Amino acid sequence: MSSTSSTSGHEQSRWQQVRRIASWEFNRFVKWRQQVIGIAIMAAVGTASGVLTKLVNDAKAKATEVAVVNGAALGFPLPVVDDVVWLPARYATEEAARAAVAADSVGGVLLVRSAQAAEIVVRKRAAWTGAVETALTGARQGAAFAALPITDAQRASLLTPFSVAVSTVSRGQGGSDASSRLITGGILACGILVLFNGFASLFTGITGEKQQRITEQVIAIVTPQTWMDGKILGLASAALASTLLLGATSLVLLATLPRLLGSSTFTMPAMPGDAGMVAVVALVTLLGIIMWFSFMAAVAATIDDPNSSPRSSLLLVPVLPLGLAFSLLSRPDTVVAQVLSVFPLTSMAVLPVRLLLTSVPWWEPTLAVLLLATAAWAFRRAAGTIFALGILLHGKEPSLADTWRWIRHTR
């Protein structure tokens, strides 16, 4: 097929065609006016949520009066419990206290059986009973610790945690600074959000036009590969722009709302101390986005109706690497983790985990980037091939055998 075409009398290179298609797709799904409205709604919802959360946290429940019978058997003072007022001398007998609870004269009664056991009697379930049990356990343990025949210095020594400091002799290895970890985690989260934010648009953009028979007219002007490249680039850019805008709005709300509500403020991360690691994660995330969009474009090219096709379940495939990454949090130095950190379908999620938790040799990120770029190129070519042949089979989805045969014959 020709690498150029004539549109309105102007010859366009293949890259110009891709850029024009990508721009059209981007503007189709990113409406700036709607984005501004979305930000305003998000700010309003975030503000309302912050105000309600502060009201809930600041709300003071009415204190519950709890009578205590046989409190001397505890052997230690009654602990302080939020929203509970102890009445240690109100009733002398268990029967009188139970009758008072039944008559709703008090909120409950604590019947102390021994220094290790007690019973709480209430008219109906009450949230404060759990706090009472926790407070009594802590008070008993504190009293037993205080009674040990040791000096104050020995007691302070027992309560002091062992201090271990971890330092590295070079940057770019395990034990990176907190700012690098926070930014790396943010980049990975952003990449995942881009995938799930853009897949719906990708399926709609490809299958919708197949159903409306628009694509046959378009590919008379540009090649199917050019059309698919423009879609992948435009829709991935639209998802990335929407996600970055959402992330920026969230950061602004986190920085301003606590100040307005008088609660603890969110501190923006400083510049990362390990800029190389952050750059590697950003590159792997970007290549991973392109690869998964190309993969999903190839899948969407085989589907006529996403509402009825079982292949729509393939949207969940990118979730699998996330599960593997979480399972490897405690085992980042295993051979399995090392293999998955360079395997193209899992490296986007697993490699950042290894970079954050352990020392990674230089060749591992290099190999991961090369394999990711190769996989993205292969999926992109497959998407263009499948789209070029699949458009002629409207009404019948090609089988996996048909799809594989198309890809082999067009190499």
Protein backbone atom coordinates (compact mmCIF):
# COMPACT_ATOMS: atom_id res chain seq x y z
CA MET A 1 0.00 0.00 0.00
CA SER A 2 1.13 3.51 -0.59
CA SER A 3 2.75 5.37 2.31
CA THR A 4 1.13 8.66 1.23
CA SER A 5 -2.33 9.70 0.17
CA SER A 6 -4.05 12.73 -1.22
CA THR A 7 -6.66 14.50 0.86
CA SER A 8 -8.25 17.67 -0.49
CA GLY A 9 -5.42 17.94 -2.96
CA HIS A 10 -2.65 17.76 -0.29
CA GLU A 11 -0.21 14.87 -0.15
CA GLN A 12 0.29 13.69 3.43
CA SER A 13 3.04 11.49 4.76
CA ARG A 14 2.14 8.43 6.78
CA TRP A 15 3.16 10.14 10.03
CA GLN A 16 0.98 13.16 9.19
CA GLN A 17 -1.96 10.82 8.65
CA VAL A 18 -1.31 9.05 11.97
CA ARG A 19 -1.05 12.38 13.76
CA ARG A 20 -4.27 13.64 12.19
CA ILE A 21 -6.19 10.49 13.14
CA ALA A 22 -4.72 10.60 16.65
CA SER A 23 -5.71 14.25 17.03
CA TRP A 24 -9.26 13.44 15.88
CA GLU A 25 -9.54 10.56 18.37
CA PHE A 26 -8.05 12.68 21.18
CA ASN A 27 -10.48 15.53 20.62
CA ARG A 28 -13.37 13.08 20.28
CA PHE A 29 -12.90 11.78 23.84
CA VAL A 30 -11.28 14.79 25.55
CA LYS A 31 -13.75 17.68 25.64
CA TRP A 32 -12.03 20.41 27.64
CA ARG A 33 -15.30 22.05 28.66
CA GLN A 34 -16.53 18.71 29.99
CA GLN A 35 -13.18 18.20 31.71
CA VAL A 36 -13.56 21.55 33.51
CA ILE A 37 -17.09 20.63 34.56
CA GLY A 38 -15.79 17.27 35.79
CA ILE A 39 -13.09 19.02 37.84
CA ALA A 40 -15.70 21.33 39.37
CA ILE A 41 -17.90 18.36 40.28
CA MET A 42 -14.90 16.48 41.70
CA ALA A 43 -13.90 19.54 43.78
CA ALA A 44 -17.47 19.90 45.07
CA VAL A 45 -17.71 16.19 45.96
CA GLY A 46 -14.25 16.23 47.56
CA THR A 47 -15.09 19.32 49.62
CA ALA A 48 -18.41 17.84 50.74
CA SER A 49 -16.68 14.56 51.64
CA GLY A 50 -13.98 16.40 53.61
CA VAL A 51 -16.53 18.50 55.50
CA LEU A 52 -18.66 15.44 56.34
CA THR A 53 -15.58 13.47 57.44
CA LYS A 54 -14.52 16.31 59.74
CA LEU A 55 -18.04 16.56 61.17
CA VAL A 56 -18.03 12.82 61.86
CA ASN A 57 -14.56 12.88 63.44
CA ASP A 58 -15.40 15.91 65.59
CA ALA A 59 -18.80 14.60 66.64
CA LYS A 60 -19.04 13.84 70.35
CA ALA A 61 -21.31 11.00 71.36
CA LYS A 62 -23.32 11.25 74.58
CA ALA A 63 -21.33 9.60 77.36
CA THR A 64 -22.74 6.30 78.61
CA GLU A 65 -22.99 5.72 82.34
CA VAL A 66 -21.70 2.25 83.25
CA ALA A 67 -22.09 0.94 86.78
CA VAL A 68 -19.30 -1.20 88.24
CA VAL A 69 -19.90 -4.01 90.70
CA ASN A 70 -17.00 -5.60 92.61
CA GLY A 71 -14.49 -3.22 91.02
CA ALA A 72 -11.94 -3.84 93.78
CA ALA A 73 -11.37 -7.36 92.37
CA LEU A 74 -9.60 -5.85 89.36
CA GLY A 75 -6.54 -4.91 91.38
CA PHE A 76 -5.88 -1.85 89.21
CA PRO A 77 -7.70 1.45 88.54
CA LEU A 78 -10.51 1.56 86.03
CA PRO A 79 -9.07 2.76 82.71
CA VAL A 80 -10.27 5.83 80.86
CA VAL A 81 -12.57 4.89 77.96
CA ASP A 82 -13.92 7.41 75.45
CA ASP A 83 -17.65 8.12 75.87
CA VAL A 84 -17.89 5.95 79.01
CA VAL A 85 -18.42 7.27 82.55
CA TRP A 86 -17.74 4.73 85.31
CA LEU A 87 -20.09 4.56 88.31
CA PRO A 88 -18.12 2.37 90.74
CA ALA A 89 -20.26 2.98 93.80
CA ARG A 90 -23.77 3.31 92.38
CA TYR A 91 -24.97 -0.26 93.10
CA ALA A 92 -23.71 -2.69 95.75
CA THR A 93 -25.17 -5.91 94.32
CA GLU A 94 -25.35 -7.54 90.90
CA GLU A 95 -29.14 -7.86 91.14
CA ALA A 96 -29.60 -4.14 91.76
CA ALA A 97 -27.29 -3.27 88.86
CA ARG A 98 -29.08 -5.65 86.46
CA ALA A 99 -32.42 -4.15 87.51
CA ALA A 100 -31.08 -0.67 86.80
CA VAL A 101 -30.01 -1.72 83.29
CA ALA A 102 -33.43 -3.29 82.67
CA ALA A 103 -35.08 -0.07 83.82
CA ASP A 104 -32.73 1.96 81.56
CA SER A 105 -31.40 3.90 84.55
CA VAL A 106 -27.83 3.30 83.37
CA GLY A 107 -26.35 2.39 80.00
CA GLY A 108 -24.73 -0.80 81.27
CA VAL A 109 -23.01 -2.55 84.10
CA LEU A 110 -19.55 -4.07 84.45
CA LEU A 111 -19.64 -7.14 86.68
CA VAL A 112 -16.05 -7.90 87.70
CA ARG A 113 -15.52 -11.62 88.35
CA SER A 114 -11.75 -11.55 88.92
CA ALA A 115 -8.59 -9.68 87.83
CA GLN A 116 -8.80 -11.50 84.47
CA ALA A 117 -12.54 -11.69 83.73
CA ALA A 118 -15.66 -9.53 83.78
CA GLU A 119 -19.13 -9.43 82.26
CA ILE A 120 -20.81 -6.45 80.64
CA VAL A 121 -24.59 -6.30 80.83
CA VAL A 122 -26.48 -4.01 78.42
CA ARG A 123 -30.09 -3.71 77.24
CA LYS A 124 -29.02 -3.97 73.58
CA ARG A 125 -25.79 -4.11 71.62
CA ALA A 126 -23.52 -1.14 72.24
CA ALA A 127 -20.41 0.00 70.34
CA TRP A 128 -18.51 0.98 73.51
CA THR A 129 -18.24 -2.58 74.84
CA GLY A 130 -15.32 -3.41 72.52
CA ALA A 131 -13.42 -0.33 73.68
CA VAL A 132 -13.96 -1.32 77.32
CA GLU A 133 -12.50 -4.79 76.73
CA THR A 134 -9.44 -3.32 74.98
CA ALA A 135 -8.93 -0.72 77.73
CA LEU A 136 -9.22 -3.27 80.54
CA THR A 137 -6.70 -5.56 78.82
CA GLY A 138 -4.24 -2.69 78.44
CA ALA A 139 -4.74 -1.55 82.03
CA ARG A 140 -4.17 -5.07 83.39
CA GLN A 141 -1.00 -5.52 81.32
CA GLY A 142 0.25 -2.08 82.42
CA ALA A 143 -0.38 -2.87 86.07
CA ALA A 144 1.41 -6.23 85.80
CA PHE A 145 4.37 -4.58 84.06
CA ALA A 146 4.57 -1.85 86.69
CA ALA A 147 4.60 -4.48 89.45
CA LEU A 148 7.69 -6.26 88.09
CA PRO A 149 10.67 -6.08 90.49
CA ILE A 150 12.85 -4.04 88.15
CA THR A 151 14.23 -0.51 88.16
CA ASP A 152 12.79 2.37 86.17
CA ALA A 153 15.82 2.27 83.85
CA GLN A 154 15.24 -1.42 83.16
CA ARG A 155 11.55 -0.76 82.57
CA ALA A 156 12.37 2.04 80.10
CA SER A 157 14.88 -0.22 78.35
CA LEU A 158 12.25 -2.94 77.87
CA LEU A 159 9.85 -0.42 76.31
CA THR A 160 12.42 1.01 73.90
CA PRO A 161 12.20 -0.59 70.40
CA PHE A 162 15.36 -1.88 68.74
CA SER A 163 16.67 0.67 66.26
CA VAL A 164 17.90 -0.49 62.85
CA ALA A 165 19.04 1.98 60.20
CA VAL A 166 19.40 0.91 56.55
CA SER A 167 21.83 2.76 54.29
CA THR A 168 23.10 2.11 50.78
CA VAL A 169 26.48 2.90 49.30
CA SER A 170 25.03 4.01 45.96
CA ARG A 171 21.76 5.42 44.63
CA GLY A 172 19.57 3.45 42.29
CA GLN A 173 19.57 0.41 44.53
CA GLY A 174 17.25 -0.91 47.22
CA GLY A 175 16.31 1.36 50.11
CA SER A 176 15.56 4.44 47.99
CA ASP A 177 14.37 7.60 49.68
CA ALA A 178 10.73 8.12 50.62
CA SER A 179 10.14 10.74 47.92
CA SER A 180 11.36 8.35 45.20
CA ARG A 181 9.13 5.57 46.56
CA LEU A 182 6.09 7.86 46.68
CA ILE A 183 6.60 9.21 43.15
CA THR A 184 7.34 5.73 41.77
CA GLY A 185 4.15 4.40 43.31
CA GLY A 186 2.23 7.36 41.89
CA ILE A 187 3.57 6.71 38.38
CA LEU A 188 2.59 3.04 38.57
CA ALA A 189 -0.89 3.91 39.85
CA CYS A 190 -1.27 6.49 37.08
CA GLY A 191 -0.36 3.86 34.47
CA ILE A 192 -2.95 1.43 35.79
CA LEU A 193 -5.62 4.14 35.81
CA VAL A 194 -4.76 5.06 32.21
CA LEU A 195 -5.33 1.46 31.13
CA PHE A 196 -8.72 1.11 32.75
CA ASN A 197 -9.70 4.66 31.81
CA GLY A 198 -8.90 4.12 28.13
CA PHE A 199 -9.96 0.55 27.36
CA ALA A 200 -13.66 1.44 27.21
CA SER A 201 -12.94 4.25 24.72
CA LEU A 202 -10.73 1.91 22.69
CA PHE A 203 -13.43 -0.74 22.36
CA THR A 204 -16.07 1.89 21.60
CA GLY A 205 -13.85 3.64 19.07
CA ILE A 206 -13.05 0.48 17.09
CA THR A 207 -16.13 -1.74 17.35
CA GLY A 208 -18.59 1.16 17.05
CA GLU A 209 -17.21 2.24 13.69
CA LYS A 210 -17.20 -1.36 12.43
CA GLN A 211 -20.90 -1.62 13.27
CA GLN A 212 -21.67 1.66 11.52
CA ARG A 213 -19.66 0.65 8.42
CA ILE A 214 -17.68 3.89 8.61
CA THR A 215 -14.28 2.28 8.59
CA GLU A 216 -14.55 0.90 5.03
CA GLN A 217 -14.82 4.47 3.76
CA VAL A 218 -11.87 5.68 5.86
CA ILE A 219 -9.46 2.91 4.86
CA ALA A 220 -10.05 3.85 1.24
CA ILE A 221 -7.98 6.97 2.07
CA VAL A 222 -5.44 5.65 4.61
CA THR A 223 -3.96 2.21 5.19
CA PRO A 224 -5.47 0.04 7.95
CA GLN A 225 -2.16 0.14 9.84
CA THR A 226 -2.14 3.95 9.73
CA TRP A 227 -5.76 4.04 10.90
CA MET A 228 -4.97 1.67 13.79
CA ASP A 229 -1.77 3.53 14.74
CA GLY A 230 -3.70 6.80 14.91
CA LYS A 231 -6.37 5.24 17.09
CA ILE A 232 -3.86 3.69 19.51
CA LEU A 233 -1.90 6.93 19.80
CA GLY A 234 -4.94 9.21 20.07
CA LEU A 235 -6.94 7.10 22.52
CA ALA A 236 -3.91 6.39 24.72
CA SER A 237 -3.11 10.13 24.77
CA ALA A 238 -6.73 10.96 25.66
CA ALA A 239 -6.71 8.47 28.55
CA LEU A 240 -3.32 9.76 29.75
CA ALA A 241 -4.48 13.40 29.63
CA SER A 242 -7.69 12.62 31.54
CA THR A 243 -5.80 10.64 34.18
CA LEU A 244 -3.12 13.32 34.65
CA LEU A 245 -5.85 15.96 34.98
CA LEU A 246 -7.60 13.79 37.57
CA GLY A 247 -4.33 13.28 39.45
CA ALA A 248 -3.48 17.00 39.42
CA THR A 249 -6.96 17.88 40.70
CA SER A 250 -6.64 15.31 43.48
CA LEU A 251 -3.27 16.73 44.56
CA VAL A 252 -4.68 20.28 44.64
CA LEU A 253 -7.61 19.11 46.76
CA LEU A 254 -5.28 17.20 49.11
CA ALA A 255 -3.12 20.31 49.52
CA THR A 256 -5.92 22.83 50.04
CA LEU A 257 -8.84 21.06 51.72
CA PRO A 258 -7.03 20.11 54.98
CA ARG A 259 -5.93 23.75 55.39
CA LEU A 260 -9.49 24.98 54.90
CA LEU A 261 -10.90 22.38 57.31
CA GLY A 262 -8.17 22.86 59.92
CA SER A 263 -7.01 19.24 59.85
CA SER A 264 -3.57 17.75 59.25
CA THR A 265 -2.10 18.96 55.97
CA PHE A 266 -0.78 16.87 53.09
CA THR A 267 2.89 17.48 52.32
CA MET A 268 3.85 17.40 48.68
CA PRO A 269 6.74 15.01 47.94
CA ALA A 270 10.13 16.62 47.44
CA MET A 271 12.24 16.07 44.36
CA PRO A 272 13.21 12.40 44.17
CA GLY A 273 16.70 11.55 45.35
CA ASP A 274 16.84 8.66 42.87
CA ALA A 275 15.82 10.36 39.63
CA GLY A 276 17.21 7.48 37.55
CA MET A 277 14.86 4.94 39.10
CA VAL A 278 11.88 7.28 38.64
CA ALA A 279 12.82 7.79 34.97
CA VAL A 280 13.05 4.02 34.39
CA VAL A 281 9.65 3.44 35.99
CA ALA A 282 8.14 6.27 33.91
CA LEU A 283 9.58 4.78 30.69
CA VAL A 284 8.42 1.24 31.52
CA THR A 285 4.96 2.55 32.43
CA LEU A 286 4.67 4.51 29.17
CA LEU A 287 5.79 1.53 27.07
CA GLY A 288 3.44 -0.71 29.04
CA ILE A 289 0.52 1.60 28.27
CA ILE A 290 1.33 1.53 24.54
CA MET A 291 1.73 -2.26 24.58
CA TRP A 292 -1.57 -2.91 26.37
CA PHE A 293 -3.44 -0.43 24.16
CA SER A 294 -2.00 -2.20 21.09
CA PHE A 295 -2.99 -5.58 22.54
CA MET A 296 -6.53 -4.40 23.28
CA ALA A 297 -6.77 -2.78 19.83
CA ALA A 298 -5.96 -6.19 18.29
CA VAL A 299 -8.66 -7.81 20.44
CA ALA A 300 -11.21 -5.10 19.63
CA ALA A 301 -10.50 -5.55 15.90
CA THR A 302 -11.86 -9.10 16.13
CA ILE A 303 -15.07 -8.09 17.93
CA ASP A 304 -18.30 -6.97 16.29
CA ASP A 305 -20.39 -6.26 19.39
CA PRO A 306 -18.57 -5.79 22.74
CA ASN A 307 -21.86 -6.21 24.62
CA SER A 308 -22.26 -9.83 23.53
CA SER A 309 -18.74 -11.00 22.68
CA PRO A 310 -17.04 -13.22 25.29
CA ARG A 311 -13.73 -11.64 24.26
CA SER A 312 -14.72 -8.47 26.15
CA SER A 313 -13.60 -10.35 29.29
CA LEU A 314 -10.02 -9.90 28.03
CA LEU A 315 -10.31 -6.36 29.45
CA LEU A 316 -9.39 -7.96 32.78
CA VAL A 317 -6.11 -9.42 31.52
CA PRO A 318 -4.00 -6.42 32.69
CA VAL A 319 -5.23 -7.09 36.24
CA LEU A 320 -3.24 -10.34 36.40
CA PRO A 321 0.21 -8.66 36.49
CA LEU A 322 -1.02 -6.48 39.37
CA GLY A 323 -1.92 -9.58 41.36
CA LEU A 324 1.50 -11.06 40.67
CA ALA A 325 3.20 -7.83 41.75
CA PHE A 326 1.35 -7.82 45.08
CA SER A 327 2.18 -11.48 45.70
CA LEU A 328 5.88 -10.74 45.14
CA LEU A 329 6.05 -7.88 47.68
CA SER A 330 7.56 -10.24 50.28
CA ARG A 331 9.71 -12.16 47.75
CA PRO A 332 11.25 -9.58 45.39
CA ASP A 333 14.61 -11.41 45.17
CA THR A 334 13.29 -14.72 43.83
CA VAL A 335 14.03 -16.02 40.33
CA VAL A 336 10.31 -15.85 39.52
CA ALA A 337 10.24 -12.15 40.38
CA GLN A 338 13.31 -11.55 38.24
CA VAL A 339 11.77 -13.32 35.24
CA LEU A 340 8.43 -11.53 35.60
CA SER A 341 10.20 -8.17 35.88
CA VAL A 342 11.51 -8.52 32.30
CA PHE A 343 8.59 -10.47 30.76
CA PRO A 344 6.66 -7.91 28.64
CA LEU A 345 3.18 -8.76 29.91
CA THR A 346 4.20 -8.39 33.58
CA SER A 347 7.20 -6.04 33.66
CA MET A 348 5.08 -2.87 33.87
CA ALA A 349 3.80 -3.95 37.32
CA VAL A 350 6.61 -6.17 38.65
CA LEU A 351 9.75 -4.20 37.72
CA PRO A 352 8.77 -1.10 39.79
CA VAL A 353 8.19 -3.38 42.80
CA ARG A 354 11.68 -4.86 42.46
CA LEU A 355 13.24 -1.43 41.97
CA LEU A 356 11.59 -0.20 45.18
CA LEU A 357 12.34 -3.21 47.36
CA THR A 358 15.69 -4.62 46.32
CA SER A 359 18.86 -4.15 44.28
CA VAL A 360 18.33 -4.63 40.56
CA PRO A 361 21.22 -5.17 38.08
CA TRP A 362 21.48 -2.62 35.27
CA TRP A 363 20.70 -5.13 32.54
CA GLU A 364 17.31 -6.00 33.96
CA PRO A 365 15.58 -2.62 33.30
CA THR A 366 17.39 -2.43 29.95
CA LEU A 367 16.11 -5.87 28.88
CA ALA A 368 12.62 -5.07 30.18
CA VAL A 369 12.47 -1.85 28.12
CA LEU A 370 13.69 -3.61 24.95
CA LEU A 371 11.20 -6.48 25.32
CA LEU A 372 8.34 -4.09 26.11
CA ALA A 373 9.12 -1.99 23.02
CA THR A 374 9.30 -5.15 20.89
CA ALA A 375 6.00 -6.44 22.27
CA ALA A 376 4.32 -3.07 21.69
CA TRP A 377 5.54 -3.07 18.07
CA ALA A 378 4.38 -6.69 17.53
CA PHE A 379 0.92 -6.08 19.02
CA ARG A 380 0.60 -2.89 16.97
CA ARG A 381 1.40 -4.78 13.76
CA ALA A 382 -0.99 -7.56 14.74
CA ALA A 383 -3.75 -5.03 15.44
CA GLY A 384 -3.30 -3.46 11.99
CA THR A 385 -3.29 -6.86 10.26
CA ILE A 386 -6.32 -8.19 12.11
CA PHE A 387 -8.18 -4.94 11.53
CA ALA A 388 -7.42 -4.97 7.77
CA LEU A 389 -8.80 -8.49 7.30
CA GLY A 390 -11.39 -8.53 10.05
CA ILE A 391 -13.25 -5.53 8.64
CA LEU A 392 -14.31 -7.75 5.72
CA LEU A 393 -15.93 -10.30 8.07
CA HIS A 394 -18.59 -8.12 9.68
CA GLY A 395 -21.21 -10.34 11.29
CA LYS A 396 -18.77 -13.15 12.07
CA GLU A 397 -15.99 -12.88 14.60
CA PRO A 398 -12.81 -14.61 13.41
CA SER A 399 -11.64 -17.56 15.47
CA LEU A 400 -8.25 -17.57 17.19
CA ALA A 401 -7.01 -19.97 14.48
CA ASP A 402 -8.13 -17.53 11.76
CA THR A 403 -6.44 -14.64 13.58
CA TRP A 404 -3.17 -16.52 13.98
CA ARG A 405 -3.22 -17.58 10.29
CA TRP A 406 -3.73 -13.93 9.19
CA ILE A 407 -0.78 -12.76 11.27
CA ARG A 408 1.51 -15.53 9.94
CA HIS A 409 0.59 -14.99 6.28
CA THR A 410 1.13 -11.23 6.42
CA ARG A 411 4.62 -11.31 7.94
